[in-house]
PDB file of N, CA and C in Angstrom:
ATOM      1  N   MET A   1     -16.958   8.013   2.067  1.00  0.00           N
ATOM      2  CA  MET A   1     -16.454   7.008   2.991  1.00  0.00           C
ATOM      3  C   MET A   1     -17.430   6.854   4.137  1.00  0.00           C
ATOM      4  N   ASN A   2     -17.733   5.652   4.440  1.00  0.00           N
ATOM      5  CA  ASN A   2     -18.567   5.328   5.584  1.00  0.00           C
ATOM      6  C   ASN A   2     -17.669   5.264   6.807  1.00  0.00           C
ATOM      7  N   SER A   3     -18.010   6.029   7.849  1.00  0.00           N
ATOM      8  CA  SER A   3     -17.158   6.045   9.044  1.00  0.00           C
ATOM      9  C   SER A   3     -17.156   4.706   9.765  1.00  0.00           C
ATOM     10  N   ASN A   4     -18.066   3.810   9.404  1.00  0.00           N
ATOM     11  CA  ASN A   4     -18.086   2.477  10.004  1.00  0.00           C
ATOM     12  C   ASN A   4     -17.212   1.481   9.251  1.00  0.00           C
ATOM     13  N   SER A   5     -16.654   1.908   8.126  1.00  0.00           N
ATOM     14  CA  SER A   5     -15.780   1.017   7.364  1.00  0.00           C
ATOM     15  C   SER A   5     -14.535   0.702   8.168  1.00  0.00           C
ATOM     16  N   LEU A   6     -14.080  -0.518   8.015  1.00  0.00           N
ATOM     17  CA  LEU A   6     -12.852  -0.956   8.670  1.00  0.00           C
ATOM     18  C   LEU A   6     -11.856  -1.372   7.603  1.00  0.00           C
ATOM     19  N   TYR A   7     -10.589  -1.220   7.924  1.00  0.00           N
ATOM     20  CA  TYR A   7      -9.520  -1.553   6.991  1.00  0.00           C
ATOM     21  C   TYR A   7      -8.441  -2.325   7.730  1.00  0.00           C
ATOM     22  N   LYS A   8      -7.949  -3.359   7.093  1.00  0.00           N
ATOM     23  CA  LYS A   8      -6.844  -4.131   7.662  1.00  0.00           C
ATOM     24  C   LYS A   8      -5.596  -3.834   6.836  1.00  0.00           C
ATOM     25  N   LEU A   9      -4.570  -3.272   7.472  1.00  0.00           N
ATOM     26  CA  LEU A   9      -3.312  -2.973   6.796  1.00  0.00           C
ATOM     27  C   LEU A   9      -2.525  -4.263   6.585  1.00  0.00           C
ATOM     28  N   ILE A  10      -2.068  -4.448   5.358  1.00  0.00           N
ATOM     29  CA  ILE A  10      -1.242  -5.607   5.018  1.00  0.00           C
ATOM     30  C   ILE A  10      -0.028  -5.089   4.257  1.00  0.00           C
ATOM     31  N   ASN A  11       1.152  -5.296   4.807  1.00  0.00           N
ATOM     32  CA  ASN A  11       2.385  -4.944   4.113  1.00  0.00           C
ATOM     33  C   ASN A  11       2.850  -6.158   3.323  1.00  0.00           C
ATOM     34  N   VAL A  12       3.053  -5.961   2.026  1.00  0.00           N
ATOM     35  CA  VAL A  12       3.518  -7.033   1.152  1.00  0.00           C
ATOM     36  C   VAL A  12       4.872  -6.605   0.592  1.00  0.00           C
ATOM     37  N   PHE A  13       5.843  -7.496   0.689  1.00  0.00           N
ATOM     38  CA  PHE A  13       7.214  -7.170   0.315  1.00  0.00           C
ATOM     39  C   PHE A  13       7.621  -7.884  -0.966  1.00  0.00           C
ATOM     40  N   ARG A  14       8.356  -7.159  -1.817  1.00  0.00           N
ATOM     41  CA  ARG A  14       8.926  -7.754  -3.029  1.00  0.00           C
ATOM     42  C   ARG A  14      10.409  -7.386  -3.073  1.00  0.00           C
ATOM     43  N   ARG A  15      11.256  -8.401  -3.181  1.00  0.00           N
ATOM     44  CA  ARG A  15      12.691  -8.168  -3.351  1.00  0.00           C
ATOM     45  C   ARG A  15      12.944  -7.845  -4.816  1.00  0.00           C
ATOM     46  N   LEU A  16      13.573  -6.710  -5.091  1.00  0.00           N
ATOM     47  CA  LEU A  16      13.887  -6.318  -6.461  1.00  0.00           C
ATOM     48  C   LEU A  16      15.312  -6.703  -6.836  1.00  0.00           C
ATOM     49  N   SER A  17      16.192  -6.688  -5.852  1.00  0.00           N
ATOM     50  CA  SER A  17      17.592  -7.078  -6.040  1.00  0.00           C
ATOM     51  C   SER A  17      18.177  -7.332  -4.657  1.00  0.00           C
ATOM     52  N   LYS A  18      19.475  -7.593  -4.603  1.00  0.00           N
ATOM     53  CA  LYS A  18      20.091  -7.824  -3.292  1.00  0.00           C
ATOM     54  C   LYS A  18      20.208  -6.535  -2.491  1.00  0.00           C
ATOM     55  N   ASP A  19      19.966  -5.394  -3.141  1.00  0.00           N
ATOM     56  CA  ASP A  19      20.084  -4.103  -2.466  1.00  0.00           C
ATOM     57  C   ASP A  19      18.794  -3.293  -2.429  1.00  0.00           C
ATOM     58  N   GLU A  20      17.723  -3.831  -2.999  1.00  0.00           N
ATOM     59  CA  GLU A  20      16.500  -3.034  -3.114  1.00  0.00           C
ATOM     60  C   GLU A  20      15.259  -3.904  -2.945  1.00  0.00           C
ATOM     61  N   ALA A  21      14.261  -3.330  -2.303  1.00  0.00           N
ATOM     62  CA  ALA A  21      12.969  -3.993  -2.110  1.00  0.00           C
ATOM     63  C   ALA A  21      11.867  -2.944  -2.199  1.00  0.00           C
ATOM     64  N   VAL A  22      10.646  -3.424  -2.316  1.00  0.00           N
ATOM     65  CA  VAL A  22       9.489  -2.534  -2.304  1.00  0.00           C
ATOM     66  C   VAL A  22       8.497  -3.082  -1.283  1.00  0.00           C
ATOM     67  N   ILE A  23       7.860  -2.168  -0.566  1.00  0.00           N
ATOM     68  CA  ILE A  23       6.799  -2.514   0.380  1.00  0.00           C
ATOM     69  C   ILE A  23       5.497  -1.964  -0.190  1.00  0.00           C
ATOM     70  N   TYR A  24       4.575  -2.853  -0.511  1.00  0.00           N
ATOM     71  CA  TYR A  24       3.250  -2.424  -0.956  1.00  0.00           C
ATOM     72  C   TYR A  24       2.390  -2.239   0.284  1.00  0.00           C
ATOM     73  N   ARG A  25       1.798  -1.058   0.426  1.00  0.00           N
ATOM     74  CA  ARG A  25       0.920  -0.753   1.555  1.00  0.00           C
ATOM     75  C   ARG A  25      -0.508  -1.046   1.114  1.00  0.00           C
ATOM     76  N   CYS A  26      -0.971  -2.235   1.447  1.00  0.00           N
ATOM     77  CA  CYS A  26      -2.276  -2.727   1.006  1.00  0.00           C
ATOM     78  C   CYS A  26      -3.289  -2.655   2.147  1.00  0.00           C
ATOM     79  N   PHE A  27      -4.537  -2.510   1.768  1.00  0.00           N
ATOM     80  CA  PHE A  27      -5.619  -2.547   2.747  1.00  0.00           C
ATOM     81  C   PHE A  27      -6.670  -3.546   2.299  1.00  0.00           C
ATOM     82  N   GLU A  28      -7.101  -4.363   3.245  1.00  0.00           N
ATOM     83  CA  GLU A  28      -8.257  -5.227   3.032  1.00  0.00           C
ATOM     84  C   GLU A  28      -9.471  -4.462   3.527  1.00  0.00           C
ATOM     85  N   LEU A  29     -10.527  -4.439   2.733  1.00  0.00           N
ATOM     86  CA  LEU A  29     -11.743  -3.708   3.085  1.00  0.00           C
ATOM     87  C   LEU A  29     -12.660  -4.620   3.885  1.00  0.00           C
ATOM     88  N   ILE A  30     -13.092  -4.123   5.038  1.00  0.00           N
ATOM     89  CA  ILE A  30     -13.958  -4.901   5.928  1.00  0.00           C
ATOM     90  C   ILE A  30     -15.194  -4.054   6.231  1.00  0.00           C
ATOM     91  N   PRO A  31     -16.382  -4.481   6.082  1.00  0.00           N
ATOM     92  CA  PRO A  31     -16.834  -5.807   5.659  1.00  0.00           C
ATOM     93  C   PRO A  31     -17.041  -5.924   4.152  1.00  0.00           C
ATOM     94  N   GLU A  32     -16.815  -4.835   3.408  1.00  0.00           N
ATOM     95  CA  GLU A  32     -17.118  -4.845   1.973  1.00  0.00           C
ATOM     96  C   GLU A  32     -16.365  -5.926   1.216  1.00  0.00           C
ATOM     97  N   GLN A  33     -15.179  -6.241   1.646  1.00  0.00           N
ATOM     98  CA  GLN A  33     -14.270  -7.202   1.029  1.00  0.00           C
ATOM     99  C   GLN A  33     -13.603  -6.594  -0.189  1.00  0.00           C
ATOM    100  N   GLY A  34     -12.445  -7.088  -0.471  1.00  0.00           N
ATOM    101  CA  GLY A  34     -11.632  -6.579  -1.564  1.00  0.00           C
ATOM    102  C   GLY A  34     -10.335  -6.009  -1.017  1.00  0.00           C
ATOM    103  N   PHE A  35      -9.427  -5.712  -1.936  1.00  0.00           N
ATOM    104  CA  PHE A  35      -8.104  -5.224  -1.569  1.00  0.00           C
ATOM    105  C   PHE A  35      -7.732  -4.030  -2.433  1.00  0.00           C
ATOM    106  N   VAL A  36      -7.032  -3.082  -1.837  1.00  0.00           N
ATOM    107  CA  VAL A  36      -6.494  -1.940  -2.570  1.00  0.00           C
ATOM    108  C   VAL A  36      -5.060  -1.708  -2.108  1.00  0.00           C
ATOM    109  N   VAL A  37      -4.258  -1.160  -3.017  1.00  0.00           N
ATOM    110  CA  VAL A  37      -2.902  -0.750  -2.666  1.00  0.00           C
ATOM    111  C   VAL A  37      -2.919   0.765  -2.555  1.00  0.00           C
ATOM    112  N   GLN A  38      -2.561   1.273  -1.402  1.00  0.00           N
ATOM    113  CA  GLN A  38      -2.529   2.718  -1.192  1.00  0.00           C
ATOM    114  C   GLN A  38      -1.247   3.322  -1.746  1.00  0.00           C
ATOM    115  N   SER A  39      -0.127   2.650  -1.529  1.00  0.00           N
ATOM    116  CA  SER A  39       1.161   3.179  -1.966  1.00  0.00           C
ATOM    117  C   SER A  39       2.188   2.055  -1.985  1.00  0.00           C
ATOM    118  N   ALA A  40       3.351   2.365  -2.535  1.00  0.00           N
ATOM    119  CA  ALA A  40       4.473   1.423  -2.539  1.00  0.00           C
ATOM    120  C   ALA A  40       5.728   2.203  -2.187  1.00  0.00           C
ATOM    121  N   ASP A  41       6.484   1.687  -1.250  1.00  0.00           N
ATOM    122  CA  ASP A  41       7.703   2.351  -0.783  1.00  0.00           C
ATOM    123  C   ASP A  41       8.916   1.544  -1.204  1.00  0.00           C
ATOM    124  N   ARG A  42       9.854   2.193  -1.872  1.00  0.00           N
ATOM    125  CA  ARG A  42      11.111   1.532  -2.245  1.00  0.00           C
ATOM    126  C   ARG A  42      12.112   1.700  -1.115  1.00  0.00           C
ATOM    127  N   ILE A  43      12.766   0.603  -0.787  1.00  0.00           N
ATOM    128  CA  ILE A  43      13.764   0.579   0.275  1.00  0.00           C
ATOM    129  C   ILE A  43      15.089   0.134  -0.342  1.00  0.00           C
ATOM    130  N   ASN A  44      16.139   0.907  -0.095  1.00  0.00           N
ATOM    131  CA  ASN A  44      17.468   0.586  -0.601  1.00  0.00           C
ATOM    132  C   ASN A  44      18.432   0.398   0.552  1.00  0.00           C
ATOM    133  N   LEU A  45      19.419  -0.468   0.329  1.00  0.00           N
ATOM    134  CA  LEU A  45      20.498  -0.625   1.304  1.00  0.00           C
ATOM    135  C   LEU A  45      21.580   0.402   1.016  1.00  0.00           C
ATOM    136  N   PRO A  46      22.197   0.939   2.026  1.00  0.00           N
ATOM    137  CA  PRO A  46      21.885   0.732   3.440  1.00  0.00           C
ATOM    138  C   PRO A  46      20.584   1.452   3.800  1.00  0.00           C
ATOM    139  N   VAL A  47      19.828   0.868   4.701  1.00  0.00           N
ATOM    140  CA  VAL A  47      18.539   1.430   5.102  1.00  0.00           C
ATOM    141  C   VAL A  47      18.770   2.739   5.850  1.00  0.00           C
ATOM    142  N   ASP A  48      18.057   3.760   5.417  1.00  0.00           N
ATOM    143  CA  ASP A  48      18.110   5.070   6.063  1.00  0.00           C
ATOM    144  C   ASP A  48      16.872   5.189   6.959  1.00  0.00           C
ATOM    145  N   MET A  49      17.071   5.278   8.256  1.00  0.00           N
ATOM    146  CA  MET A  49      15.941   5.318   9.194  1.00  0.00           C
ATOM    147  C   MET A  49      15.077   6.561   8.995  1.00  0.00           C
ATOM    148  N   GLU A  50      15.650   7.649   8.525  1.00  0.00           N
ATOM    149  CA  GLU A  50      14.851   8.842   8.235  1.00  0.00           C
ATOM    150  C   GLU A  50      13.885   8.549   7.084  1.00  0.00           C
ATOM    151  N   ASP A  51      14.345   7.823   6.080  1.00  0.00           N
ATOM    152  CA  ASP A  51      13.458   7.416   4.980  1.00  0.00           C
ATOM    153  C   ASP A  51      12.335   6.528   5.496  1.00  0.00           C
ATOM    154  N   MET A  52      12.656   5.614   6.397  1.00  0.00           N
ATOM    155  CA  MET A  52      11.637   4.715   6.952  1.00  0.00           C
ATOM    156  C   MET A  52      10.587   5.505   7.733  1.00  0.00           C
ATOM    157  N   ARG A  53      11.023   6.487   8.496  1.00  0.00           N
ATOM    158  CA  ARG A  53      10.066   7.335   9.233  1.00  0.00           C
ATOM    159  C   ARG A  53       9.184   8.114   8.259  1.00  0.00           C
ATOM    160  N   PHE A  54       9.785   8.608   7.168  1.00  0.00           N
ATOM    161  CA  PHE A  54       9.016   9.325   6.157  1.00  0.00           C
ATOM    162  C   PHE A  54       7.939   8.417   5.559  1.00  0.00           C
ATOM    163  N   HIS A  55       8.313   7.187   5.194  1.00  0.00           N
ATOM    164  CA  HIS A  55       7.346   6.249   4.611  1.00  0.00           C
ATOM    165  C   HIS A  55       6.198   5.968   5.584  1.00  0.00           C
ATOM    166  N   GLU A  56       6.532   5.790   6.845  1.00  0.00           N
ATOM    167  CA  GLU A  56       5.500   5.499   7.852  1.00  0.00           C
ATOM    168  C   GLU A  56       4.568   6.702   8.041  1.00  0.00           C
ATOM    169  N   ARG A  57       5.143   7.890   8.105  1.00  0.00           N
ATOM    170  CA  ARG A  57       4.331   9.103   8.255  1.00  0.00           C
ATOM    171  C   ARG A  57       3.421   9.285   7.036  1.00  0.00           C
ATOM    172  N   GLN A  58       3.976   9.059   5.846  1.00  0.00           N
ATOM    173  CA  GLN A  58       3.190   9.205   4.626  1.00  0.00           C
ATOM    174  C   GLN A  58       2.035   8.199   4.577  1.00  0.00           C
ATOM    175  N   LEU A  59       2.289   6.974   5.047  1.00  0.00           N
ATOM    176  CA  LEU A  59       1.232   5.959   5.104  1.00  0.00           C
ATOM    177  C   LEU A  59       0.020   6.502   5.847  1.00  0.00           C
ATOM    178  N   TRP A  60       0.245   7.066   7.021  1.00  0.00           N
ATOM    179  CA  TRP A  60      -0.873   7.532   7.850  1.00  0.00           C
ATOM    180  C   TRP A  60      -1.476   8.828   7.334  1.00  0.00           C
ATOM    181  N   GLU A  61      -0.662   9.699   6.744  1.00  0.00           N
ATOM    182  CA  GLU A  61      -1.216  10.919   6.150  1.00  0.00           C
ATOM    183  C   GLU A  61      -2.158  10.575   5.002  1.00  0.00           C
ATOM    184  N   LEU A  62      -1.720   9.689   4.107  1.00  0.00           N
ATOM    185  CA  LEU A  62      -2.570   9.291   2.983  1.00  0.00           C
ATOM    186  C   LEU A  62      -3.846   8.614   3.460  1.00  0.00           C
ATOM    187  N   PHE A  63      -3.714   7.743   4.461  1.00  0.00           N
ATOM    188  CA  PHE A  63      -4.878   7.031   4.990  1.00  0.00           C
ATOM    189  C   PHE A  63      -5.905   8.005   5.561  1.00  0.00           C
ATOM    190  N   CYS A  64      -5.448   8.990   6.319  1.00  0.00           N
ATOM    191  CA  CYS A  64      -6.373   9.944   6.941  1.00  0.00           C
ATOM    192  C   CYS A  64      -6.972  10.911   5.926  1.00  0.00           C
ATOM    193  N   GLU A  65      -6.211  11.278   4.896  1.00  0.00           N
ATOM    194  CA  GLU A  65      -6.688  12.235   3.900  1.00  0.00           C
ATOM    195  C   GLU A  65      -7.788  11.661   3.012  1.00  0.00           C
ATOM    196  N   GLU A  66      -7.666  10.393   2.655  1.00  0.00           N
ATOM    197  CA  GLU A  66      -8.624   9.782   1.731  1.00  0.00           C
ATOM    198  C   GLU A  66      -8.714   8.287   2.014  1.00  0.00           C
ATOM    199  N   ALA A  67      -9.930   7.791   2.059  1.00  0.00           N
ATOM    200  CA  ALA A  67     -10.133   6.360   2.318  1.00  0.00           C
ATOM    201  C   ALA A  67      -9.428   5.533   1.247  1.00  0.00           C
ATOM    202  N   PRO A  68      -8.810   4.434   1.635  1.00  0.00           N
ATOM    203  CA  PRO A  68      -8.091   3.613   0.659  1.00  0.00           C
ATOM    204  C   PRO A  68      -8.936   3.194  -0.538  1.00  0.00           C
ATOM    205  N   ASP A  69     -10.202   2.865  -0.317  1.00  0.00           N
ATOM    206  CA  ASP A  69     -11.056   2.436  -1.423  1.00  0.00           C
ATOM    207  C   ASP A  69     -11.486   3.593  -2.318  1.00  0.00           C
ATOM    208  N   GLN A  70     -11.167   4.833  -1.941  1.00  0.00           N
ATOM    209  CA  GLN A  70     -11.416   5.983  -2.805  1.00  0.00           C
ATOM    210  C   GLN A  70     -10.218   6.248  -3.720  1.00  0.00           C
ATOM    211  N   ARG A  71      -9.070   5.677  -3.394  1.00  0.00           N
ATOM    212  CA  ARG A  71      -7.844   5.860  -4.188  1.00  0.00           C
ATOM    213  C   ARG A  71      -7.802   4.938  -5.404  1.00  0.00           C
ATOM    214  N   GLY A  72      -8.547   3.861  -5.357  1.00  0.00           N
ATOM    215  CA  GLY A  72      -8.541   2.910  -6.460  1.00  0.00           C
ATOM    216  C   GLY A  72      -9.696   1.942  -6.340  1.00  0.00           C
ATOM    217  N   VAL A  73      -9.932   1.210  -7.409  1.00  0.00           N
ATOM    218  CA  VAL A  73     -11.015   0.226  -7.434  1.00  0.00           C
ATOM    219  C   VAL A  73     -10.555  -1.022  -6.682  1.00  0.00           C
ATOM    220  N   PRO A  74     -11.331  -1.481  -5.712  1.00  0.00           N
ATOM    221  CA  PRO A  74     -10.946  -2.695  -4.984  1.00  0.00           C
ATOM    222  C   PRO A  74     -10.860  -3.913  -5.909  1.00  0.00           C
ATOM    223  N   SER A  75      -9.896  -4.773  -5.619  1.00  0.00           N
ATOM    224  CA  SER A  75      -9.690  -6.013  -6.368  1.00  0.00           C
ATOM    225  C   SER A  75     -10.093  -7.198  -5.510  1.00  0.00           C
ATOM    226  N   ALA A  76     -10.395  -8.310  -6.173  1.00  0.00           N
ATOM    227  CA  ALA A  76     -10.822  -9.515  -5.454  1.00  0.00           C
ATOM    228  C   ALA A  76      -9.688 -10.157  -4.668  1.00  0.00           C
ATOM    229  N   SER A  77      -8.451  -9.990  -5.133  1.00  0.00           N
ATOM    230  CA  SER A  77      -7.313 -10.580  -4.424  1.00  0.00           C
ATOM    231  C   SER A  77      -6.219  -9.536  -4.245  1.00  0.00           C
ATOM    232  N   ILE A  78      -5.351  -9.797  -3.308  1.00  0.00           N
ATOM    233  CA  ILE A  78      -4.248  -8.870  -3.058  1.00  0.00           C
ATOM    234  C   ILE A  78      -3.277  -8.861  -4.240  1.00  0.00           C
ATOM    235  N   GLU A  79      -3.108 -10.013  -4.888  1.00  0.00           N
ATOM    236  CA  GLU A  79      -2.237 -10.093  -6.058  1.00  0.00           C
ATOM    237  C   GLU A  79      -2.773  -9.229  -7.198  1.00  0.00           C
ATOM    238  N   GLU A  80      -4.094  -9.262  -7.414  1.00  0.00           N
ATOM    239  CA  GLU A  80      -4.713  -8.431  -8.453  1.00  0.00           C
ATOM    240  C   GLU A  80      -4.564  -6.952  -8.124  1.00  0.00           C
ATOM    241  N   ALA A  81      -4.710  -6.597  -6.861  1.00  0.00           N
ATOM    242  CA  ALA A  81      -4.574  -5.198  -6.448  1.00  0.00           C
ATOM    243  C   ALA A  81      -3.158  -4.697  -6.710  1.00  0.00           C
ATOM    244  N   ILE A  82      -2.158  -5.512  -6.409  1.00  0.00           N
ATOM    245  CA  ILE A  82      -0.765  -5.122  -6.647  1.00  0.00           C
ATOM    246  C   ILE A  82      -0.491  -5.003  -8.142  1.00  0.00           C
ATOM    247  N   ALA A  83      -0.988  -5.942  -8.935  1.00  0.00           N
ATOM    248  CA  ALA A  83      -0.799  -5.885 -10.388  1.00  0.00           C
ATOM    249  C   ALA A  83      -1.440  -4.627 -10.971  1.00  0.00           C
ATOM    250  N   ALA A  84      -2.639  -4.272 -10.506  1.00  0.00           N
ATOM    251  CA  ALA A  84      -3.320  -3.064 -10.981  1.00  0.00           C
ATOM    252  C   ALA A  84      -2.537  -1.818 -10.585  1.00  0.00           C
ATOM    253  N   PHE A  85      -2.022  -1.796  -9.366  1.00  0.00           N
ATOM    254  CA  PHE A  85      -1.228  -0.660  -8.891  1.00  0.00           C
ATOM    255  C   PHE A  85       0.037  -0.519  -9.737  1.00  0.00           C
ATOM    256  N   ASP A  86       0.735  -1.634  -9.963  1.00  0.00           N
ATOM    257  CA  ASP A  86       1.959  -1.597 -10.766  1.00  0.00           C
ATOM    258  C   ASP A  86       1.674  -1.124 -12.188  1.00  0.00           C
ATOM    259  N   ALA A  87       0.573  -1.583 -12.779  1.00  0.00           N
ATOM    260  CA  ALA A  87       0.216  -1.167 -14.136  1.00  0.00           C
ATOM    261  C   ALA A  87      -0.093   0.329 -14.183  1.00  0.00           C
ATOM    262  N   LYS A  88      -0.791   0.814 -13.171  1.00  0.00           N
ATOM    263  CA  LYS A  88      -1.171   2.227 -13.131  1.00  0.00           C
ATOM    264  C   LYS A  88       0.040   3.134 -12.970  1.00  0.00           C
ATOM    265  N   PHE A  89       1.007   2.713 -12.160  1.00  0.00           N
ATOM    266  CA  PHE A  89       2.148   3.567 -11.851  1.00  0.00           C
ATOM    267  C   PHE A  89       3.433   3.133 -12.551  1.00  0.00           C
ATOM    268  N   GLY A  90       3.347   2.171 -13.456  1.00  0.00           N
ATOM    269  CA  GLY A  90       4.507   1.773 -14.245  1.00  0.00           C
ATOM    270  C   GLY A  90       5.616   1.115 -13.457  1.00  0.00           C
ATOM    271  N   ASN A  91       5.256   0.390 -12.407  1.00  0.00           N
ATOM    272  CA  ASN A  91       6.274  -0.294 -11.592  1.00  0.00           C
ATOM    273  C   ASN A  91       6.673  -1.607 -12.230  1.00  0.00           C
TER     274      ASN A  91
END
């Protein structure tokens, strides 16, 4: 990882049902360009704030432990990155 690399966090939401959604934690690579999905968090109703804090803490732990572009191959579009992530993890 180059310490000069920059990343833009983009949260992308998908409604799975009236009671469930997923948040894809995506990063845009700057200046290299491309998109990667670091993780996906499932959210169920009723929303548990402890779960939300866990997801947020995990986001930053994963980011600090390993650069997002080291977790997967960058894609040209955010849609491609999400599709690749879903295929890899069976979502």
